[in-house]
Every structure is written in structure tokens, then in C-alpha cells.
Amino acid sequence: CISSSDESTYYADSVKGRFTISRDNAKNTLVLQMNSLKPEDT
């Protein structure tokens, strides 16, 4: 999760270091980049 007004974020322990969240307020778009995917991410 991420806030709209700053860069405060939360990551589940299971995805830290592998997933990255980002936002574009102007475009109202949220992105989750998922790397090093595991079967448990299904």
C-alpha cells in the first residue's frame, strides 16, 4: 500500500525486496512491479 500525498509505503514480509509499488497521481495509475516471482505468489 502507498499514500497519495507522500511516499509512505507498506510491503508484506513475503514480498519485500521483490515487489515495488508506485503511483502516478496525475494519471491516477497504480503500478506493482513483481520480480523474482514464486509459486506462492499465485
PDB file of all heavy atoms in Angstrom:
ATOM      1  N   CYS A   1       0.840  -1.194   0.000  1.00  0.00           N
ATOM      2  CA  CYS A   1       0.000   0.000   0.000  1.00  0.00           C
ATOM      3  C   CYS A   1       0.873   1.241   0.000  1.00  0.00           C
ATOM      4  O   CYS A   1       2.016   1.222   0.468  1.00  0.00           O
ATOM      5  CB  CYS A   1      -0.935   0.016   1.209  1.00  0.00           C
ATOM      6  SG  CYS A   1      -2.215  -1.268   1.185  1.00  0.00           S
ATOM      7  N   ILE A   2       0.300   2.339  -0.495  1.00  0.00           N
ATOM      8  CA  ILE A   2       1.028   3.591  -0.602  1.00  0.00           C
ATOM      9  C   ILE A   2       0.062   4.752  -0.427  1.00  0.00           C
ATOM     10  O   ILE A   2      -1.106   4.660  -0.793  1.00  0.00           O
ATOM     11  CB  ILE A   2       1.773   3.671  -1.958  1.00  0.00           C
ATOM     12  CG1 ILE A   2       2.738   4.845  -2.003  1.00  0.00           C
ATOM     13  CG2 ILE A   2       0.777   3.723  -3.114  1.00  0.00           C
ATOM     14  CD1 ILE A   2       3.686   4.796  -3.203  1.00  0.00           C
ATOM     15  N   SER A   3       0.555   5.858   0.141  1.00  0.00           N
ATOM     16  CA  SER A   3      -0.262   7.049   0.313  1.00  0.00           C
ATOM     17  C   SER A   3      -0.221   7.910  -0.936  1.00  0.00           C
ATOM     18  O   SER A   3       0.722   7.840  -1.740  1.00  0.00           O
ATOM     19  CB  SER A   3       0.200   7.855   1.519  1.00  0.00           C
ATOM     20  OG  SER A   3       1.513   8.362   1.328  1.00  0.00           O
ATOM     21  N   SER A   4      -1.245   8.746  -1.092  1.00  0.00           N
ATOM     22  CA  SER A   4      -1.330   9.619  -2.257  1.00  0.00           C
ATOM     23  C   SER A   4      -0.472  10.862  -2.135  1.00  0.00           C
ATOM     24  O   SER A   4      -0.081  11.438  -3.154  1.00  0.00           O
ATOM     25  CB  SER A   4      -2.780  10.042  -2.500  1.00  0.00           C
ATOM     26  OG  SER A   4      -3.280  10.783  -1.398  1.00  0.00           O
ATOM     27  N   SER A   5      -0.187  11.294  -0.913  1.00  0.00           N
ATOM     28  CA  SER A   5       0.465  12.578  -0.679  1.00  0.00           C
ATOM     29  C   SER A   5       1.932  12.494  -0.289  1.00  0.00           C
ATOM     30  O   SER A   5       2.602  13.520  -0.232  1.00  0.00           O
ATOM     31  CB  SER A   5      -0.283  13.351   0.401  1.00  0.00           C
ATOM     32  OG  SER A   5      -0.306  12.628   1.614  1.00  0.00           O
ATOM     33  N   ASP A   6       2.431  11.315  -0.025  1.00  0.00           N
ATOM     34  CA  ASP A   6       3.834  11.142   0.286  1.00  0.00           C
ATOM     35  C   ASP A   6       4.290   9.771  -0.186  1.00  0.00           C
ATOM     36  O   ASP A   6       3.594   9.121  -0.966  1.00  0.00           O
ATOM     37  CB  ASP A   6       4.126  11.378   1.774  1.00  0.00           C
ATOM     38  CG  ASP A   6       3.363  10.430   2.688  1.00  0.00           C
ATOM     39  OD1 ASP A   6       3.003   9.316   2.256  1.00  0.00           O
ATOM     40  OD2 ASP A   6       3.113  10.811   3.848  1.00  0.00           O
ATOM     41  N   GLU A   7       5.439   9.356   0.297  1.00  0.00           N
ATOM     42  CA  GLU A   7       5.991   8.082  -0.136  1.00  0.00           C
ATOM     43  C   GLU A   7       5.910   7.019   0.950  1.00  0.00           C
ATOM     44  O   GLU A   7       6.693   6.067   0.939  1.00  0.00           O
ATOM     45  CB  GLU A   7       7.432   8.259  -0.596  1.00  0.00           C
ATOM     46  CG  GLU A   7       7.556   9.137  -1.822  1.00  0.00           C
ATOM     47  CD  GLU A   7       8.963   9.229  -2.357  1.00  0.00           C
ATOM     48  OE1 GLU A   7       9.897   8.738  -1.680  1.00  0.00           O
ATOM     49  OE2 GLU A   7       9.138   9.791  -3.452  1.00  0.00           O
ATOM     50  N   SER A   8       4.967   7.172   1.858  1.00  0.00           N
ATOM     51  CA  SER A   8       4.749   6.166   2.884  1.00  0.00           C
ATOM     52  C   SER A   8       4.229   4.894   2.238  1.00  0.00           C
ATOM     53  O   SER A   8       3.243   4.926   1.491  1.00  0.00           O
ATOM     54  CB  SER A   8       3.748   6.679   3.926  1.00  0.00           C
ATOM     55  OG  SER A   8       3.493   5.700   4.909  1.00  0.00           O
ATOM     56  N   THR A   9       4.888   3.794   2.523  1.00  0.00           N
ATOM     57  CA  THR A   9       4.534   2.522   1.898  1.00  0.00           C
ATOM     58  C   THR A   9       4.524   1.389   2.907  1.00  0.00           C
ATOM     59  O   THR A   9       5.100   1.482   3.991  1.00  0.00           O
ATOM     60  CB  THR A   9       5.507   2.154   0.768  1.00  0.00           C
ATOM     61  OG1 THR A   9       6.838   2.074   1.292  1.00  0.00           O
ATOM     62  CG2 THR A   9       5.466   3.181  -0.353  1.00  0.00           C
ATOM     63  N   TYR A  10       3.858   0.326   2.520  1.00  0.00           N
ATOM     64  CA  TYR A  10       3.850  -0.922   3.262  1.00  0.00           C
ATOM     65  C   TYR A  10       4.092  -2.062   2.285  1.00  0.00           C
ATOM     66  O   TYR A  10       3.552  -2.063   1.175  1.00  0.00           O
ATOM     67  CB  TYR A  10       2.499  -1.133   3.965  1.00  0.00           C
ATOM     68  CG  TYR A  10       2.288  -2.541   4.470  1.00  0.00           C
ATOM     69  CD1 TYR A  10       2.629  -2.890   5.772  1.00  0.00           C
ATOM     70  CD2 TYR A  10       1.759  -3.526   3.638  1.00  0.00           C
ATOM     71  CE1 TYR A  10       2.447  -4.181   6.228  1.00  0.00           C
ATOM     72  CE2 TYR A  10       1.571  -4.825   4.095  1.00  0.00           C
ATOM     73  CZ  TYR A  10       1.921  -5.148   5.395  1.00  0.00           C
ATOM     74  OH  TYR A  10       1.738  -6.427   5.840  1.00  0.00           O
ATOM     75  N   TYR A  11       4.900  -3.013   2.709  1.00  0.00           N
ATOM     76  CA  TYR A  11       5.076  -4.252   1.963  1.00  0.00           C
ATOM     77  C   TYR A  11       4.921  -5.432   2.897  1.00  0.00           C
ATOM     78  O   TYR A  11       5.462  -5.436   4.006  1.00  0.00           O
ATOM     79  CB  TYR A  11       6.460  -4.330   1.331  1.00  0.00           C
ATOM     80  CG  TYR A  11       6.684  -3.356   0.204  1.00  0.00           C
ATOM     81  CD1 TYR A  11       7.297  -2.127   0.428  1.00  0.00           C
ATOM     82  CD2 TYR A  11       6.297  -3.675  -1.095  1.00  0.00           C
ATOM     83  CE1 TYR A  11       7.509  -1.237  -0.609  1.00  0.00           C
ATOM     84  CE2 TYR A  11       6.510  -2.792  -2.135  1.00  0.00           C
ATOM     85  CZ  TYR A  11       7.119  -1.575  -1.884  1.00  0.00           C
ATOM     86  OH  TYR A  11       7.334  -0.702  -2.931  1.00  0.00           O
ATOM     87  N   ALA A  12       4.190  -6.423   2.463  1.00  0.00           N
ATOM     88  CA  ALA A  12       4.134  -7.674   3.206  1.00  0.00           C
ATOM     89  C   ALA A  12       5.526  -8.289   3.260  1.00  0.00           C
ATOM     90  O   ALA A  12       6.307  -8.178   2.311  1.00  0.00           O
ATOM     91  CB  ALA A  12       3.152  -8.636   2.549  1.00  0.00           C
ATOM     92  N   ASP A  13       5.827  -8.936   4.380  1.00  0.00           N
ATOM     93  CA  ASP A  13       7.148  -9.545   4.522  1.00  0.00           C
ATOM     94  C   ASP A  13       7.464 -10.509   3.384  1.00  0.00           C
ATOM     95  O   ASP A  13       8.613 -10.623   2.953  1.00  0.00           O
ATOM     96  CB  ASP A  13       7.247 -10.285   5.857  1.00  0.00           C
ATOM     97  CG  ASP A  13       7.310  -9.354   7.047  1.00  0.00           C
ATOM     98  OD1 ASP A  13       7.617  -8.158   6.866  1.00  0.00           O
ATOM     99  OD2 ASP A  13       7.058  -9.823   8.175  1.00  0.00           O
ATOM    100  N   SER A  14       6.459 -11.187   2.889  1.00  0.00           N
ATOM    101  CA  SER A  14       6.664 -12.195   1.862  1.00  0.00           C
ATOM    102  C   SER A  14       7.082 -11.627   0.514  1.00  0.00           C
ATOM    103  O   SER A  14       7.576 -12.366  -0.338  1.00  0.00           O
ATOM    104  CB  SER A  14       5.397 -13.037   1.688  1.00  0.00           C
ATOM    105  OG  SER A  14       4.303 -12.228   1.310  1.00  0.00           O
ATOM    106  N   VAL A  15       6.897 -10.315   0.308  1.00  0.00           N
ATOM    107  CA  VAL A  15       7.219  -9.720  -0.993  1.00  0.00           C
ATOM    108  C   VAL A  15       8.310  -8.667  -0.917  1.00  0.00           C
ATOM    109  O   VAL A  15       8.730  -8.152  -1.963  1.00  0.00           O
ATOM    110  CB  VAL A  15       5.968  -9.122  -1.663  1.00  0.00           C
ATOM    111  CG1 VAL A  15       4.842 -10.143  -1.712  1.00  0.00           C
ATOM    112  CG2 VAL A  15       5.514  -7.848  -0.958  1.00  0.00           C
ATOM    113  N   LYS A  16       8.778  -8.344   0.269  1.00  0.00           N
ATOM    114  CA  LYS A  16       9.822  -7.329   0.406  1.00  0.00           C
ATOM    115  C   LYS A  16      11.058  -7.714  -0.393  1.00  0.00           C
ATOM    116  O   LYS A  16      11.514  -8.849  -0.362  1.00  0.00           O
ATOM    117  CB  LYS A  16      10.191  -7.138   1.878  1.00  0.00           C
ATOM    118  CG  LYS A  16       9.158  -6.382   2.684  1.00  0.00           C
ATOM    119  CD  LYS A  16       9.599  -6.209   4.129  1.00  0.00           C
ATOM    120  CE  LYS A  16       8.568  -5.440   4.929  1.00  0.00           C
ATOM    121  NZ  LYS A  16       8.942  -5.308   6.358  1.00  0.00           N
ATOM    122  N   GLY A  17      11.579  -6.746  -1.113  1.00  0.00           N
ATOM    123  CA  GLY A  17      12.752  -6.969  -1.933  1.00  0.00           C
ATOM    124  C   GLY A  17      12.450  -7.509  -3.307  1.00  0.00           C
ATOM    125  O   GLY A  17      13.346  -7.540  -4.160  1.00  0.00           O
ATOM    126  N   ARG A  18      11.213  -7.938  -3.549  1.00  0.00           N
ATOM    127  CA  ARG A  18      10.830  -8.489  -4.845  1.00  0.00           C
ATOM    128  C   ARG A  18       9.793  -7.630  -5.568  1.00  0.00           C
ATOM    129  O   ARG A  18       9.818  -7.548  -6.793  1.00  0.00           O
ATOM    130  CB  ARG A  18      10.273  -9.904  -4.683  1.00  0.00           C
ATOM    131  CG  ARG A  18      11.265 -10.886  -4.063  1.00  0.00           C
ATOM    132  CD  ARG A  18      10.731 -12.310  -4.115  1.00  0.00           C
ATOM    133  NE  ARG A  18       9.511 -12.469  -3.320  1.00  0.00           N
ATOM    134  CZ  ARG A  18       8.332 -12.844  -3.822  1.00  0.00           C
ATOM    135  NH1 ARG A  18       8.204 -13.095  -5.119  1.00  0.00           N
ATOM    136  NH2 ARG A  18       7.280 -12.978  -3.027  1.00  0.00           N
ATOM    137  N   PHE A  19       8.876  -7.022  -4.812  1.00  0.00           N
ATOM    138  CA  PHE A  19       7.808  -6.220  -5.392  1.00  0.00           C
ATOM    139  C   PHE A  19       8.066  -4.744  -5.101  1.00  0.00           C
ATOM    140  O   PHE A  19       8.600  -4.394  -4.040  1.00  0.00           O
ATOM    141  CB  PHE A  19       6.448  -6.587  -4.802  1.00  0.00           C
ATOM    142  CG  PHE A  19       5.937  -7.958  -5.153  1.00  0.00           C
ATOM    143  CD1 PHE A  19       6.722  -8.892  -5.808  1.00  0.00           C
ATOM    144  CD2 PHE A  19       4.637  -8.301  -4.819  1.00  0.00           C
ATOM    145  CE1 PHE A  19       6.236 -10.155  -6.124  1.00  0.00           C
ATOM    146  CE2 PHE A  19       4.134  -9.551  -5.127  1.00  0.00           C
ATOM    147  CZ  PHE A  19       4.935 -10.480  -5.781  1.00  0.00           C
ATOM    148  N   THR A  20       7.652  -3.887  -6.019  1.00  0.00           N
ATOM    149  CA  THR A  20       7.761  -2.449  -5.841  1.00  0.00           C
ATOM    150  C   THR A  20       6.449  -1.785  -6.241  1.00  0.00           C
ATOM    151  O   THR A  20       5.947  -2.018  -7.343  1.00  0.00           O
ATOM    152  CB  THR A  20       8.902  -1.857  -6.678  1.00  0.00           C
ATOM    153  OG1 THR A  20      10.135  -2.509  -6.346  1.00  0.00           O
ATOM    154  CG2 THR A  20       9.039  -0.362  -6.400  1.00  0.00           C
ATOM    155  N   ILE A  21       5.906  -0.960  -5.340  1.00  0.00           N
ATOM    156  CA  ILE A  21       4.684  -0.231  -5.631  1.00  0.00           C
ATOM    157  C   ILE A  21       5.034   1.205  -6.010  1.00  0.00           C
ATOM    158  O   ILE A  21       5.977   1.796  -5.470  1.00  0.00           O
ATOM    159  CB  ILE A  21       3.709  -0.259  -4.431  1.00  0.00           C
ATOM    160  CG1 ILE A  21       2.319   0.239  -4.837  1.00  0.00           C
ATOM    161  CG2 ILE A  21       4.256   0.541  -3.253  1.00  0.00           C
ATOM    162  CD1 ILE A  21       1.249   0.001  -3.778  1.00  0.00           C
ATOM    163  N   SER A  22       4.283   1.760  -6.941  1.00  0.00           N
ATOM    164  CA  SER A  22       4.477   3.147  -7.331  1.00  0.00           C
ATOM    165  C   SER A  22       3.143   3.727  -7.784  1.00  0.00           C
ATOM    166  O   SER A  22       2.210   2.992  -8.118  1.00  0.00           O
ATOM    167  CB  SER A  22       5.533   3.285  -8.427  1.00  0.00           C
ATOM    168  OG  SER A  22       5.157   2.578  -9.598  1.00  0.00           O
ATOM    169  N   ARG A  23       3.059   5.040  -7.794  1.00  0.00           N
ATOM    170  CA  ARG A  23       1.833   5.723  -8.192  1.00  0.00           C
ATOM    171  C   ARG A  23       2.145   6.930  -9.054  1.00  0.00           C
ATOM    172  O   ARG A  23       3.237   7.495  -8.996  1.00  0.00           O
ATOM    173  CB  ARG A  23       1.034   6.158  -6.964  1.00  0.00           C
ATOM    174  CG  ARG A  23       1.838   7.027  -6.009  1.00  0.00           C
ATOM    175  CD  ARG A  23       0.996   7.553  -4.863  1.00  0.00           C
ATOM    176  NE  ARG A  23       1.846   8.196  -3.868  1.00  0.00           N
ATOM    177  CZ  ARG A  23       2.336   9.425  -3.981  1.00  0.00           C
ATOM    178  NH1 ARG A  23       2.065  10.155  -5.065  1.00  0.00           N
ATOM    179  NH2 ARG A  23       3.103   9.926  -3.031  1.00  0.00           N
ATOM    180  N   ASP A  24       1.167   7.286  -9.843  1.00  0.00           N
ATOM    181  CA  ASP A  24       1.229   8.482 -10.664  1.00  0.00           C
ATOM    182  C   ASP A  24      -0.062   9.244 -10.393  1.00  0.00           C
ATOM    183  O   ASP A  24      -1.107   8.917 -10.956  1.00  0.00           O
ATOM    184  CB  ASP A  24       1.371   8.134 -12.138  1.00  0.00           C
ATOM    185  CG  ASP A  24       1.578   9.350 -13.014  1.00  0.00           C
ATOM    186  OD1 ASP A  24       1.134  10.448 -12.654  1.00  0.00           O
ATOM    187  OD2 ASP A  24       2.199   9.192 -14.094  1.00  0.00           O
ATOM    188  N   ASN A  25       0.008  10.246  -9.517  1.00  0.00           N
ATOM    189  CA  ASN A  25      -1.193  10.978  -9.128  1.00  0.00           C
ATOM    190  C   ASN A  25      -1.844  11.687 -10.314  1.00  0.00           C
ATOM    191  O   ASN A  25      -3.072  11.752 -10.404  1.00  0.00           O
ATOM    192  CB  ASN A  25      -0.871  11.992  -8.031  1.00  0.00           C
ATOM    193  CG  ASN A  25      -0.604  11.334  -6.696  1.00  0.00           C
ATOM    194  OD1 ASN A  25      -1.048  10.220  -6.430  1.00  0.00           O
ATOM    195  ND2 ASN A  25       0.119  12.031  -5.823  1.00  0.00           N
ATOM    196  N   ALA A  26      -1.033  12.230 -11.197  1.00  0.00           N
ATOM    197  CA  ALA A  26      -1.571  12.946 -12.348  1.00  0.00           C
ATOM    198  C   ALA A  26      -2.376  12.030 -13.258  1.00  0.00           C
ATOM    199  O   ALA A  26      -3.392  12.439 -13.827  1.00  0.00           O
ATOM    200  CB  ALA A  26      -0.449  13.624 -13.127  1.00  0.00           C
ATOM    201  N   LYS A  27      -1.930  10.799 -13.389  1.00  0.00           N
ATOM    202  CA  LYS A  27      -2.608   9.845 -14.258  1.00  0.00           C
ATOM    203  C   LYS A  27      -3.533   8.896 -13.508  1.00  0.00           C
ATOM    204  O   LYS A  27      -4.191   8.060 -14.129  1.00  0.00           O
ATOM    205  CB  LYS A  27      -1.571   9.032 -15.041  1.00  0.00           C
ATOM    206  CG  LYS A  27      -0.716   9.865 -15.976  1.00  0.00           C
ATOM    207  CD  LYS A  27       0.270   8.995 -16.743  1.00  0.00           C
ATOM    208  CE  LYS A  27       1.100   9.820 -17.711  1.00  0.00           C
ATOM    209  NZ  LYS A  27       2.063   8.980 -18.469  1.00  0.00           N
ATOM    210  N   ASN A  28      -3.579   9.018 -12.181  1.00  0.00           N
ATOM    211  CA  ASN A  28      -4.414   8.148 -11.355  1.00  0.00           C
ATOM    212  C   ASN A  28      -4.146   6.677 -11.647  1.00  0.00           C
ATOM    213  O   ASN A  28      -5.075   5.883 -11.830  1.00  0.00           O
ATOM    214  CB  ASN A  28      -5.892   8.478 -11.544  1.00  0.00           C
ATOM    215  CG  ASN A  28      -6.238   9.887 -11.107  1.00  0.00           C
ATOM    216  OD1 ASN A  28      -6.743  10.686 -11.896  1.00  0.00           O
ATOM    217  ND2 ASN A  28      -5.971  10.199  -9.847  1.00  0.00           N
ATOM    218  N   THR A  29      -2.882   6.336 -11.684  1.00  0.00           N
ATOM    219  CA  THR A  29      -2.467   4.986 -12.006  1.00  0.00           C
ATOM    220  C   THR A  29      -1.581   4.432 -10.894  1.00  0.00           C
ATOM    221  O   THR A  29      -0.685   5.122 -10.399  1.00  0.00           O
ATOM    222  CB  THR A  29      -1.710   4.945 -13.338  1.00  0.00           C
ATOM    223  OG1 THR A  29      -2.559   5.444 -14.380  1.00  0.00           O
ATOM    224  CG2 THR A  29      -1.286   3.523 -13.677  1.00  0.00           C
ATOM    225  N   LEU A  30      -1.837   3.198 -10.529  1.00  0.00           N
ATOM    226  CA  LEU A  30      -1.049   2.480  -9.538  1.00  0.00           C
ATOM    227  C   LEU A  30      -0.384   1.292 -10.217  1.00  0.00           C
ATOM    228  O   LEU A  30      -1.013   0.588 -11.006  1.00  0.00           O
ATOM    229  CB  LEU A  30      -1.945   1.987  -8.402  1.00  0.00           C
ATOM    230  CG  LEU A  30      -1.261   1.243  -7.256  1.00  0.00           C
ATOM    231  CD1 LEU A  30      -0.488   2.214  -6.379  1.00  0.00           C
ATOM    232  CD2 LEU A  30      -2.297   0.487  -6.431  1.00  0.00           C
ATOM    233  N   VAL A  31       0.883   1.075  -9.898  1.00  0.00           N
ATOM    234  CA  VAL A  31       1.651   0.005 -10.519  1.00  0.00           C
ATOM    235  C   VAL A  31       2.268  -0.877  -9.449  1.00  0.00           C
ATOM    236  O   VAL A  31       2.718  -0.398  -8.404  1.00  0.00           O
ATOM    237  CB  VAL A  31       2.751   0.580 -11.430  1.00  0.00           C
ATOM    238  CG1 VAL A  31       3.691  -0.519 -11.920  1.00  0.00           C
ATOM    239  CG2 VAL A  31       2.132   1.312 -12.610  1.00  0.00           C
ATOM    240  N   LEU A  32       2.275  -2.170  -9.705  1.00  0.00           N
ATOM    241  CA  LEU A  32       3.005  -3.121  -8.879  1.00  0.00           C
ATOM    242  C   LEU A  32       3.959  -3.889  -9.781  1.00  0.00           C
ATOM    243  O   LEU A  32       3.524  -4.686 -10.614  1.00  0.00           O
ATOM    244  CB  LEU A  32       2.057  -4.082  -8.160  1.00  0.00           C
ATOM    245  CG  LEU A  32       2.724  -5.050  -7.175  1.00  0.00           C
ATOM    246  CD1 LEU A  32       3.271  -4.286  -5.962  1.00  0.00           C
ATOM    247  CD2 LEU A  32       1.749  -6.134  -6.720  1.00  0.00           C
ATOM    248  N   GLN A  33       5.237  -3.627  -9.621  1.00  0.00           N
ATOM    249  CA  GLN A  33       6.262  -4.365 -10.336  1.00  0.00           C
ATOM    250  C   GLN A  33       6.637  -5.582  -9.505  1.00  0.00           C
ATOM    251  O   GLN A  33       7.107  -5.443  -8.376  1.00  0.00           O
ATOM    252  CB  GLN A  33       7.486  -3.490 -10.599  1.00  0.00           C
ATOM    253  CG  GLN A  33       8.617  -4.200 -11.323  1.00  0.00           C
ATOM    254  CD  GLN A  33       8.247  -4.606 -12.726  1.00  0.00           C
ATOM    255  OE1 GLN A  33       7.708  -3.807 -13.482  1.00  0.00           O
ATOM    256  NE2 GLN A  33       8.525  -5.852 -13.079  1.00  0.00           N
ATOM    257  N   MET A  34       6.458  -6.761 -10.061  1.00  0.00           N
ATOM    258  CA  MET A  34       6.695  -8.007  -9.350  1.00  0.00           C
ATOM    259  C   MET A  34       7.841  -8.743 -10.022  1.00  0.00           C
ATOM    260  O   MET A  34       7.738  -9.137 -11.186  1.00  0.00           O
ATOM    261  CB  MET A  34       5.439  -8.878  -9.340  1.00  0.00           C
ATOM    262  CG  MET A  34       4.212  -8.172  -8.783  1.00  0.00           C
ATOM    263  SD  MET A  34       2.801  -9.292  -8.570  1.00  0.00           S
ATOM    264  CE  MET A  34       2.471  -9.715 -10.282  1.00  0.00           C
ATOM    265  N   ASN A  35       8.921  -8.922  -9.289  1.00  0.00           N
ATOM    266  CA  ASN A  35      10.089  -9.630  -9.783  1.00  0.00           C
ATOM    267  C   ASN A  35      10.335 -10.876  -8.953  1.00  0.00           C
ATOM    268  O   ASN A  35       9.821 -11.027  -7.851  1.00  0.00           O
ATOM    269  CB  ASN A  35      11.323  -8.721  -9.735  1.00  0.00           C
ATOM    270  CG  ASN A  35      11.195  -7.493 -10.602  1.00  0.00           C
ATOM    271  OD1 ASN A  35      10.601  -7.530 -11.676  1.00  0.00           O
ATOM    272  ND2 ASN A  35      11.772  -6.385 -10.144  1.00  0.00           N
ATOM    273  N   SER A  36      11.150 -11.765  -9.485  1.00  0.00           N
ATOM    274  CA  SER A  36      11.511 -13.000  -8.788  1.00  0.00           C
ATOM    275  C   SER A  36      10.285 -13.730  -8.269  1.00  0.00           C
ATOM    276  O   SER A  36      10.224 -14.158  -7.114  1.00  0.00           O
ATOM    277  CB  SER A  36      12.482 -12.695  -7.642  1.00  0.00           C
ATOM    278  OG  SER A  36      13.653 -12.060  -8.120  1.00  0.00           O
ATOM    279  N   LEU A  37       9.306 -13.891  -9.127  1.00  0.00           N
ATOM    280  CA  LEU A  37       8.032 -14.468  -8.710  1.00  0.00           C
ATOM    281  C   LEU A  37       8.182 -15.922  -8.292  1.00  0.00           C
ATOM    282  O   LEU A  37       8.981 -16.676  -8.859  1.00  0.00           O
ATOM    283  CB  LEU A  37       7.010 -14.340  -9.833  1.00  0.00           C
ATOM    284  CG  LEU A  37       6.425 -12.934  -9.974  1.00  0.00           C
ATOM    285  CD1 LEU A  37       5.796 -12.744 -11.340  1.00  0.00           C
ATOM    286  CD2 LEU A  37       5.402 -12.675  -8.866  1.00  0.00           C
ATOM    287  N   LYS A  38       7.387 -16.284  -7.295  1.00  0.00           N
ATOM    288  CA  LYS A  38       7.372 -17.628  -6.739  1.00  0.00           C
ATOM    289  C   LYS A  38       5.991 -18.245  -6.910  1.00  0.00           C
ATOM    290  O   LYS A  38       4.998 -17.522  -7.023  1.00  0.00           O
ATOM    291  CB  LYS A  38       7.713 -17.583  -5.245  1.00  0.00           C
ATOM    292  CG  LYS A  38       9.037 -16.912  -4.911  1.00  0.00           C
ATOM    293  CD  LYS A  38       9.213 -16.823  -3.399  1.00  0.00           C
ATOM    294  CE  LYS A  38      10.522 -16.158  -3.040  1.00  0.00           C
ATOM    295  NZ  LYS A  38      10.694 -16.047  -1.565  1.00  0.00           N
ATOM    296  N   PRO A  39       5.895 -19.575  -6.911  1.00  0.00           N
ATOM    297  CA  PRO A  39       4.567 -20.197  -6.971  1.00  0.00           C
ATOM    298  C   PRO A  39       3.626 -19.710  -5.879  1.00  0.00           C
ATOM    299  O   PRO A  39       2.414 -19.623  -6.112  1.00  0.00           O
ATOM    300  CB  PRO A  39       4.877 -21.688  -6.819  1.00  0.00           C
ATOM    301  CG  PRO A  39       6.251 -21.830  -7.376  1.00  0.00           C
ATOM    302  CD  PRO A  39       6.977 -20.568  -6.984  1.00  0.00           C
ATOM    303  N   GLU A  40       4.166 -19.364  -4.718  1.00  0.00           N
ATOM    304  CA  GLU A  40       3.354 -18.880  -3.610  1.00  0.00           C
ATOM    305  C   GLU A  40       2.720 -17.522  -3.887  1.00  0.00           C
ATOM    306  O   GLU A  40       1.834 -17.092  -3.136  1.00  0.00           O
ATOM    307  CB  GLU A  40       4.198 -18.806  -2.336  1.00  0.00           C
ATOM    308  CG  GLU A  40       4.683 -20.154  -1.813  1.00  0.00           C
ATOM    309  CD  GLU A  40       5.862 -20.721  -2.582  1.00  0.00           C
ATOM    310  OE1 GLU A  40       6.587 -19.936  -3.242  1.00  0.00           O
ATOM    311  OE2 GLU A  40       6.068 -21.943  -2.532  1.00  0.00           O
ATOM    312  N   ASP A  41       3.159 -16.841  -4.926  1.00  0.00           N
ATOM    313  CA  ASP A  41       2.562 -15.568  -5.309  1.00  0.00           C
ATOM    314  C   ASP A  41       1.289 -15.741  -6.130  1.00  0.00           C
ATOM    315  O   ASP A  41       0.614 -14.755  -6.436  1.00  0.00           O
ATOM    316  CB  ASP A  41       3.555 -14.725  -6.103  1.00  0.00           C
ATOM    317  CG  ASP A  41       4.780 -14.341  -5.299  1.00  0.00           C
ATOM    318  OD1 ASP A  41       4.623 -13.953  -4.120  1.00  0.00           O
ATOM    319  OD2 ASP A  41       5.894 -14.418  -5.848  1.00  0.00           O
ATOM    320  N   THR A  42       0.972 -16.960  -6.513  1.00  0.00           N
ATOM    321  CA  THR A  42      -0.223 -17.220  -7.312  1.00  0.00           C
ATOM    322  C   THR A  42      -1.474 -16.807  -6.545  1.00  0.00           C
ATOM    323  O   THR A  42      -1.703 -17.264  -5.419  1.00  0.00           O
ATOM    324  CB  THR A  42      -0.300 -18.697  -7.693  1.00  0.00           C
ATOM    325  OG1 THR A  42       0.810 -19.028  -8.531  1.00  0.00           O
ATOM    326  CG2 THR A  42      -1.593 -19.001  -8.436  1.00  0.00           C
TER     327      THR A  42
END
